Amino acid sequence: MHCSRLASESWDRNNEKYMIGQNKLAAQGALVLMLASQKVPSFDEYLLSLHPGTEKFERNKWLRELWRSKYKCDFDLPPDSTENRCEDARQTSDNFHSDDKVQFVIDAVYAIAHALQVILVIEEAMKTAVCPNDVIESSWISRYSKKPDICHAMQNIDGDEFYQKYLLKVRFQDKKRRVLDGDQSDGSDYVEIGHWSENNVRYFLANKKCCDSNSVSGRELAKTIL
């Protein structure tokens, strides 16, 4: 009999829907798919420092939506309201798990920012290349005229061109002090971790030894997979 398995990174060890309450029983013993990411401590510290009423909280309007959803509360309630007040909700480090994809979001934002910076540096050259009709000829009338800040073609940069010519050429150091090169976009190496057979799983450990799920060590190893 042929068996196919579907997996998604949305069900991982940090998903509260599967790690809290009765759902945890359903998730126990599951093999989950996770992206190879690293924690960003500075992001966790920043998120845990956010509180309603502070300047850095109020300047990000989407945080109010996050608070309403996470704490089942509302803002600016009348004094006699019995509903939960978001102003009183505080994040703590207890049971706090930032999303495993935070690292990739941060890297993506920085990569786009670096690519746009390259465009700004060579803006004048780009104007000449893609907006030849926007160049103002110097004359006694126009020599003091303000040149166009950005031409129509630059306001609508082709996504594929931006990706191929600029984003793939980005090189910068991320928050984990790794040098990221946009042109080196190979995926992670394939690593065989075990063989599946009926009523038995054969695990390959880091030290090249292996064990069967029917053995004592195999059963102990299986308990740790979640």
C-alpha atoms as a PDB file:
ATOM      1  CA  MET A   1       0.000   0.000   0.000  1.00  0.00           C
ATOM      2  CA  HIS A   2       1.335   3.426  -0.959  1.00  0.00           C
ATOM      3  CA  CYS A   3       1.181   6.071   1.736  1.00  0.00           C
ATOM      4  CA  SER A   4       1.683   9.816   1.193  1.00  0.00           C
ATOM      5  CA  ARG A   5       2.338  12.314   3.954  1.00  0.00           C
ATOM      6  CA  LEU A   6       1.600  16.017   3.807  1.00  0.00           C
ATOM      7  CA  ALA A   7       3.562  18.420   5.986  1.00  0.00           C
ATOM      8  CA  SER A   8       3.467  22.143   6.706  1.00  0.00           C
ATOM      9  CA  GLU A   9       5.690  24.446   8.741  1.00  0.00           C
ATOM     10  CA  SER A  10       2.534  26.014  10.225  1.00  0.00           C
ATOM     11  CA  TRP A  11       2.398  23.091  12.688  1.00  0.00           C
ATOM     12  CA  ASP A  12       5.612  23.298  14.659  1.00  0.00           C
ATOM     13  CA  ARG A  13       6.816  23.209  18.247  1.00  0.00           C
ATOM     14  CA  ASN A  14       6.067  26.906  18.801  1.00  0.00           C
ATOM     15  CA  ASN A  15       2.476  26.882  17.575  1.00  0.00           C
ATOM     16  CA  GLU A  16       0.319  27.579  20.626  1.00  0.00           C
ATOM     17  CA  LYS A  17      -2.710  25.935  19.025  1.00  0.00           C
ATOM     18  CA  TYR A  18      -0.983  22.565  19.320  1.00  0.00           C
ATOM     19  CA  MET A  19       1.091  23.125  22.447  1.00  0.00           C
ATOM     20  CA  ILE A  20      -1.557  24.283  24.905  1.00  0.00           C
ATOM     21  CA  GLY A  21      -4.570  22.459  26.332  1.00  0.00           C
ATOM     22  CA  GLN A  22      -6.142  19.305  24.938  1.00  0.00           C
ATOM     23  CA  ASN A  23      -4.661  19.816  21.481  1.00  0.00           C
ATOM     24  CA  LYS A  24      -1.265  18.979  22.971  1.00  0.00           C
ATOM     25  CA  LEU A  25      -2.442  15.380  23.400  1.00  0.00           C
ATOM     26  CA  ALA A  26      -3.205  15.167  19.686  1.00  0.00           C
ATOM     27  CA  ALA A  27       0.223  16.565  18.819  1.00  0.00           C
ATOM     28  CA  GLN A  28       2.173  14.277  21.143  1.00  0.00           C
ATOM     29  CA  GLY A  29       4.536  12.054  19.195  1.00  0.00           C
ATOM     30  CA  ALA A  30       4.037  13.946  15.938  1.00  0.00           C
ATOM     31  CA  LEU A  31       6.843  14.486  13.456  1.00  0.00           C
ATOM     32  CA  VAL A  32       6.724  18.170  12.573  1.00  0.00           C
ATOM     33  CA  LEU A  33       8.291  20.140   9.748  1.00  0.00           C
ATOM     34  CA  MET A  34      10.298  23.204  10.753  1.00  0.00           C
ATOM     35  CA  LEU A  35      12.336  25.715   8.790  1.00  0.00           C
ATOM     36  CA  ALA A  36      16.037  25.829   9.625  1.00  0.00           C
ATOM     37  CA  SER A  37      16.013  29.173  11.419  1.00  0.00           C
ATOM     38  CA  GLN A  38      17.665  30.785  14.414  1.00  0.00           C
ATOM     39  CA  LYS A  39      16.206  32.887  17.191  1.00  0.00           C
ATOM     40  CA  VAL A  40      16.770  36.644  17.140  1.00  0.00           C
ATOM     41  CA  PRO A  41      17.082  37.639  20.833  1.00  0.00           C
ATOM     42  CA  SER A  42      16.930  41.381  20.082  1.00  0.00           C
ATOM     43  CA  PHE A  43      13.531  40.904  18.421  1.00  0.00           C
ATOM     44  CA  ASP A  44      12.194  38.939  21.392  1.00  0.00           C
ATOM     45  CA  GLU A  45      13.451  41.628  23.785  1.00  0.00           C
ATOM     46  CA  TYR A  46      11.791  44.336  21.708  1.00  0.00           C
ATOM     47  CA  LEU A  47       8.482  42.480  21.492  1.00  0.00           C
ATOM     48  CA  LEU A  48       8.420  41.775  25.215  1.00  0.00           C
ATOM     49  CA  SER A  49       9.091  45.462  25.962  1.00  0.00           C
ATOM     50  CA  LEU A  50       5.991  46.661  24.104  1.00  0.00           C
ATOM     51  CA  HIS A  51       3.171  47.950  26.304  1.00  0.00           C
ATOM     52  CA  PRO A  52       0.052  49.950  25.385  1.00  0.00           C
ATOM     53  CA  GLY A  53       0.482  53.654  26.045  1.00  0.00           C
ATOM     54  CA  THR A  54       4.204  53.775  25.312  1.00  0.00           C
ATOM     55  CA  GLU A  55       5.515  55.707  22.330  1.00  0.00           C
ATOM     56  CA  LYS A  56       7.026  52.723  20.537  1.00  0.00           C
ATOM     57  CA  PHE A  57       3.775  50.801  20.942  1.00  0.00           C
ATOM     58  CA  GLU A  58       1.448  53.544  19.721  1.00  0.00           C
ATOM     59  CA  ARG A  59       3.537  54.414  16.666  1.00  0.00           C
ATOM     60  CA  ASN A  60       2.867  50.935  15.269  1.00  0.00           C
ATOM     61  CA  LYS A  61      -0.892  50.912  14.711  1.00  0.00           C
ATOM     62  CA  TRP A  62      -0.988  47.218  13.843  1.00  0.00           C
ATOM     63  CA  LEU A  63      -0.001  46.385  17.437  1.00  0.00           C
ATOM     64  CA  ARG A  64      -3.466  47.335  18.619  1.00  0.00           C
ATOM     65  CA  GLU A  65      -4.925  44.728  16.292  1.00  0.00           C
ATOM     66  CA  LEU A  66      -2.430  42.180  17.623  1.00  0.00           C
ATOM     67  CA  TRP A  67      -3.375  42.979  21.230  1.00  0.00           C
ATOM     68  CA  ARG A  68      -7.106  42.664  20.501  1.00  0.00           C
ATOM     69  CA  SER A  69      -6.631  39.276  18.888  1.00  0.00           C
ATOM     70  CA  LYS A  70      -4.134  37.851  21.378  1.00  0.00           C
ATOM     71  CA  TYR A  71      -5.665  39.066  24.643  1.00  0.00           C
ATOM     72  CA  LYS A  72      -9.356  39.145  23.618  1.00  0.00           C
ATOM     73  CA  CYS A  73      -9.631  42.750  24.740  1.00  0.00           C
ATOM     74  CA  ASP A  74     -10.418  46.220  23.436  1.00  0.00           C
ATOM     75  CA  PHE A  75      -9.010  49.732  23.734  1.00  0.00           C
ATOM     76  CA  ASP A  76     -10.574  52.957  24.990  1.00  0.00           C
ATOM     77  CA  LEU A  77     -13.443  51.262  26.800  1.00  0.00           C
ATOM     78  CA  PRO A  78     -15.760  53.393  28.980  1.00  0.00           C
ATOM     79  CA  PRO A  79     -14.977  53.385  32.728  1.00  0.00           C
ATOM     80  CA  ASP A  80     -17.978  51.214  33.593  1.00  0.00           C
ATOM     81  CA  SER A  81     -17.213  48.537  31.004  1.00  0.00           C
ATOM     82  CA  THR A  82     -16.667  44.995  32.232  1.00  0.00           C
ATOM     83  CA  GLU A  83     -14.814  43.892  29.106  1.00  0.00           C
ATOM     84  CA  ASN A  84     -11.090  43.186  29.136  1.00  0.00           C
ATOM     85  CA  ARG A  85      -9.013  46.302  28.719  1.00  0.00           C
ATOM     86  CA  CYS A  86      -6.067  46.028  26.348  1.00  0.00           C
ATOM     87  CA  GLU A  87      -4.287  48.789  28.251  1.00  0.00           C
ATOM     88  CA  ASP A  88      -3.898  46.361  31.149  1.00  0.00           C
ATOM     89  CA  ALA A  89      -2.549  43.482  29.042  1.00  0.00           C
ATOM     90  CA  ARG A  90       1.171  42.836  29.391  1.00  0.00           C
ATOM     91  CA  GLN A  91       3.379  40.347  27.617  1.00  0.00           C
ATOM     92  CA  THR A  92       5.601  38.166  29.770  1.00  0.00           C
ATOM     93  CA  SER A  93       8.316  35.683  28.987  1.00  0.00           C
ATOM     94  CA  ASP A  94       6.115  32.852  30.324  1.00  0.00           C
ATOM     95  CA  ASN A  95       5.081  30.583  27.453  1.00  0.00           C
ATOM     96  CA  PHE A  96       6.411  33.167  24.994  1.00  0.00           C
ATOM     97  CA  HIS A  97       7.621  31.805  21.670  1.00  0.00           C
ATOM     98  CA  SER A  98       8.324  34.055  18.729  1.00  0.00           C
ATOM     99  CA  ASP A  99       7.550  32.675  15.299  1.00  0.00           C
ATOM    100  CA  ASP A 100      10.345  30.583  13.776  1.00  0.00           C
ATOM    101  CA  LYS A 101      10.062  32.609  10.561  1.00  0.00           C
ATOM    102  CA  VAL A 102      10.971  35.938  12.206  1.00  0.00           C
ATOM    103  CA  GLN A 103      14.589  35.586  11.092  1.00  0.00           C
ATOM    104  CA  PHE A 104      13.526  35.236   7.452  1.00  0.00           C
ATOM    105  CA  VAL A 105      11.193  38.247   7.626  1.00  0.00           C
ATOM    106  CA  ILE A 106      13.965  40.430   9.080  1.00  0.00           C
ATOM    107  CA  ASP A 107      16.474  39.231   6.465  1.00  0.00           C
ATOM    108  CA  ALA A 108      13.954  39.849   3.665  1.00  0.00           C
ATOM    109  CA  VAL A 109      13.250  43.417   4.810  1.00  0.00           C
ATOM    110  CA  TYR A 110      16.965  44.204   5.036  1.00  0.00           C
ATOM    111  CA  ALA A 111      17.628  42.631   1.633  1.00  0.00           C
ATOM    112  CA  ILE A 112      14.952  44.772  -0.033  1.00  0.00           C
ATOM    113  CA  ALA A 113      16.216  47.873   1.795  1.00  0.00           C
ATOM    114  CA  HIS A 114      19.789  47.249   0.598  1.00  0.00           C
ATOM    115  CA  ALA A 115      18.558  46.699  -2.962  1.00  0.00           C
ATOM    116  CA  LEU A 116      16.573  49.950  -2.894  1.00  0.00           C
ATOM    117  CA  GLN A 117      19.626  51.729  -1.521  1.00  0.00           C
ATOM    118  CA  VAL A 118      21.583  50.588  -4.571  1.00  0.00           C
ATOM    119  CA  ILE A 119      18.884  52.047  -6.790  1.00  0.00           C
ATOM    120  CA  LEU A 120      19.060  55.368  -4.926  1.00  0.00           C
ATOM    121  CA  VAL A 121      22.854  55.496  -5.302  1.00  0.00           C
ATOM    122  CA  ILE A 122      22.644  55.048  -9.057  1.00  0.00           C
ATOM    123  CA  GLU A 123      19.391  56.982  -9.399  1.00  0.00           C
ATOM    124  CA  GLU A 124      20.761  59.520 -11.813  1.00  0.00           C
ATOM    125  CA  ALA A 125      22.180  56.817 -14.071  1.00  0.00           C
ATOM    126  CA  MET A 126      18.848  54.995 -13.997  1.00  0.00           C
ATOM    127  CA  LYS A 127      16.991  58.154 -14.949  1.00  0.00           C
ATOM    128  CA  THR A 128      19.157  58.516 -18.004  1.00  0.00           C
ATOM    129  CA  ALA A 129      18.771  54.847 -18.926  1.00  0.00           C
ATOM    130  CA  VAL A 130      15.050  54.321 -18.400  1.00  0.00           C
ATOM    131  CA  CYS A 131      13.705  57.886 -18.493  1.00  0.00           C
ATOM    132  CA  PRO A 132      15.556  59.656 -21.314  1.00  0.00           C
ATOM    133  CA  ASN A 133      12.587  61.910 -21.989  1.00  0.00           C
ATOM    134  CA  ASP A 134      12.580  63.178 -18.405  1.00  0.00           C
ATOM    135  CA  VAL A 135      16.034  64.743 -18.625  1.00  0.00           C
ATOM    136  CA  ILE A 136      15.802  68.525 -18.547  1.00  0.00           C
ATOM    137  CA  GLU A 137      18.065  70.289 -21.021  1.00  0.00           C
ATOM    138  CA  SER A 138      20.133  73.010 -19.462  1.00  0.00           C
ATOM    139  CA  SER A 139      19.370  76.475 -20.733  1.00  0.00           C
ATOM    140  CA  TRP A 140      19.098  80.004 -19.408  1.00  0.00           C
ATOM    141  CA  ILE A 141      15.436  79.212 -18.664  1.00  0.00           C
ATOM    142  CA  SER A 142      15.758  75.727 -17.189  1.00  0.00           C
ATOM    143  CA  ARG A 143      19.177  75.732 -15.542  1.00  0.00           C
ATOM    144  CA  TYR A 144      17.566  76.598 -12.214  1.00  0.00           C
ATOM    145  CA  SER A 145      14.510  74.413 -12.721  1.00  0.00           C
ATOM    146  CA  LYS A 146      14.055  71.503 -10.364  1.00  0.00           C
ATOM    147  CA  LYS A 147      14.767  68.179 -12.028  1.00  0.00           C
ATOM    148  CA  PRO A 148      12.090  65.501 -11.587  1.00  0.00           C
ATOM    149  CA  ASP A 149      12.686  63.566  -8.359  1.00  0.00           C
ATOM    150  CA  ILE A 150      11.725  60.258  -9.908  1.00  0.00           C
ATOM    151  CA  CYS A 151      10.461  59.336 -13.335  1.00  0.00           C
ATOM    152  CA  HIS A 152       7.383  57.282 -14.128  1.00  0.00           C
ATOM    153  CA  ALA A 153       9.427  54.223 -15.118  1.00  0.00           C
ATOM    154  CA  MET A 154      11.214  54.199 -11.753  1.00  0.00           C
ATOM    155  CA  GLN A 155       7.928  54.504  -9.890  1.00  0.00           C
ATOM    156  CA  ASN A 156       6.849  51.246 -11.500  1.00  0.00           C
ATOM    157  CA  ILE A 157       9.995  49.116 -11.453  1.00  0.00           C
ATOM    158  CA  ASP A 158       9.474  45.685 -12.935  1.00  0.00           C
ATOM    159  CA  GLY A 159       9.516  43.100 -10.152  1.00  0.00           C
ATOM    160  CA  ASP A 160      11.516  40.563 -12.132  1.00  0.00           C
ATOM    161  CA  GLU A 161      14.092  43.188 -13.089  1.00  0.00           C
ATOM    162  CA  PHE A 162      14.370  44.351  -9.469  1.00  0.00           C
ATOM    163  CA  TYR A 163      14.846  40.752  -8.348  1.00  0.00           C
ATOM    164  CA  GLN A 164      17.386  39.764 -11.003  1.00  0.00           C
ATOM    165  CA  LYS A 165      19.438  42.977 -11.208  1.00  0.00           C
ATOM    166  CA  TYR A 166      19.377  44.211  -7.632  1.00  0.00           C
ATOM    167  CA  LEU A 167      17.966  41.821  -5.031  1.00  0.00           C
ATOM    168  CA  LEU A 168      20.098  38.875  -6.120  1.00  0.00           C
ATOM    169  CA  LYS A 169      23.209  41.051  -5.919  1.00  0.00           C
ATOM    170  CA  VAL A 170      22.600  42.160  -2.351  1.00  0.00           C
ATOM    171  CA  ARG A 171      25.277  41.231   0.173  1.00  0.00           C
ATOM    172  CA  PHE A 172      25.026  42.178   3.850  1.00  0.00           C
ATOM    173  CA  GLN A 173      25.533  40.923   7.392  1.00  0.00           C
ATOM    174  CA  ASP A 174      22.352  39.891   9.184  1.00  0.00           C
ATOM    175  CA  LYS A 175      21.446  40.097  12.890  1.00  0.00           C
ATOM    176  CA  LYS A 176      23.172  36.760  13.526  1.00  0.00           C
ATOM    177  CA  ARG A 177      26.369  38.137  11.947  1.00  0.00           C
ATOM    178  CA  ARG A 178      26.041  35.855   8.964  1.00  0.00           C
ATOM    179  CA  VAL A 179      26.976  37.277   5.570  1.00  0.00           C
ATOM    180  CA  LEU A 180      24.009  36.849   3.252  1.00  0.00           C
ATOM    181  CA  ASP A 181      24.591  36.775  -0.466  1.00  0.00           C
ATOM    182  CA  GLY A 182      21.439  37.088  -2.560  1.00  0.00           C
ATOM    183  CA  ASP A 183      22.977  35.163  -5.439  1.00  0.00           C
ATOM    184  CA  GLN A 184      23.677  32.146  -3.244  1.00  0.00           C
ATOM    185  CA  SER A 185      20.094  30.972  -2.935  1.00  0.00           C
ATOM    186  CA  ASP A 186      20.631  27.219  -2.779  1.00  0.00           C
ATOM    187  CA  GLY A 187      18.400  25.373  -0.352  1.00  0.00           C
ATOM    188  CA  SER A 188      19.502  23.320   2.614  1.00  0.00           C
ATOM    189  CA  ASP A 189      21.345  20.073   1.987  1.00  0.00           C
ATOM    190  CA  TYR A 190      19.361  16.838   1.976  1.00  0.00           C
ATOM    191  CA  VAL A 191      20.043  14.823   5.111  1.00  0.00           C
ATOM    192  CA  GLU A 192      18.709  11.314   5.578  1.00  0.00           C
ATOM    193  CA  ILE A 193      17.483  10.896   9.150  1.00  0.00           C
ATOM    194  CA  GLY A 194      15.904   7.468   9.007  1.00  0.00           C
ATOM    195  CA  HIS A 195      13.961   4.737   7.250  1.00  0.00           C
ATOM    196  CA  TRP A 196      10.291   3.994   7.697  1.00  0.00           C
ATOM    197  CA  SER A 197       8.905   0.473   7.581  1.00  0.00           C
ATOM    198  CA  GLU A 198       5.821  -1.234   8.937  1.00  0.00           C
ATOM    199  CA  ASN A 199       5.706  -1.006  12.749  1.00  0.00           C
ATOM    200  CA  ASN A 200       9.278   0.198  12.884  1.00  0.00           C
ATOM    201  CA  VAL A 201      11.317   3.356  12.381  1.00  0.00           C
ATOM    202  CA  ARG A 202      15.072   3.170  11.953  1.00  0.00           C
ATOM    203  CA  TYR A 203      16.704   6.414  13.141  1.00  0.00           C
ATOM    204  CA  PHE A 204      20.117   7.704  12.116  1.00  0.00           C
ATOM    205  CA  LEU A 205      21.809   9.646  14.901  1.00  0.00           C
ATOM    206  CA  ALA A 206      24.425  12.371  14.662  1.00  0.00           C
ATOM    207  CA  ASN A 207      27.209   9.960  15.604  1.00  0.00           C
ATOM    208  CA  LYS A 208      26.321   7.677  12.625  1.00  0.00           C
ATOM    209  CA  LYS A 209      24.923   5.003  14.925  1.00  0.00           C
ATOM    210  CA  CYS A 210      21.285   4.049  14.619  1.00  0.00           C
ATOM    211  CA  CYS A 211      18.581   2.399  16.567  1.00  0.00           C
ATOM    212  CA  ASP A 212      15.187   0.797  15.949  1.00  0.00           C
ATOM    213  CA  SER A 213      11.978   2.208  17.398  1.00  0.00           C
ATOM    214  CA  ASN A 214      11.334  -1.235  18.906  1.00  0.00           C
ATOM    215  CA  SER A 215      14.539  -1.033  20.944  1.00  0.00           C
ATOM    216  CA  VAL A 216      14.801   0.667  24.329  1.00  0.00           C
ATOM    217  CA  SER A 217      16.944   3.515  22.945  1.00  0.00           C
ATOM    218  CA  GLY A 218      14.619   3.846  19.984  1.00  0.00           C
ATOM    219  CA  ARG A 219      11.561   4.194  22.178  1.00  0.00           C
ATOM    220  CA  GLU A 220      13.315   6.818  24.273  1.00  0.00           C
ATOM    221  CA  LEU A 221      14.299   8.709  21.126  1.00  0.00           C
ATOM    222  CA  ALA A 222      10.738   8.570  19.817  1.00  0.00           C
ATOM    223  CA  LYS A 223       9.504  10.249  22.992  1.00  0.00           C
ATOM    224  CA  THR A 224      11.609  13.303  22.218  1.00  0.00           C
ATOM    225  CA  ILE A 225      10.173  13.865  18.736  1.00  0.00           C
ATOM    226  CA  LEU A 226       7.654  16.686  18.955  1.00  0.00           C
END
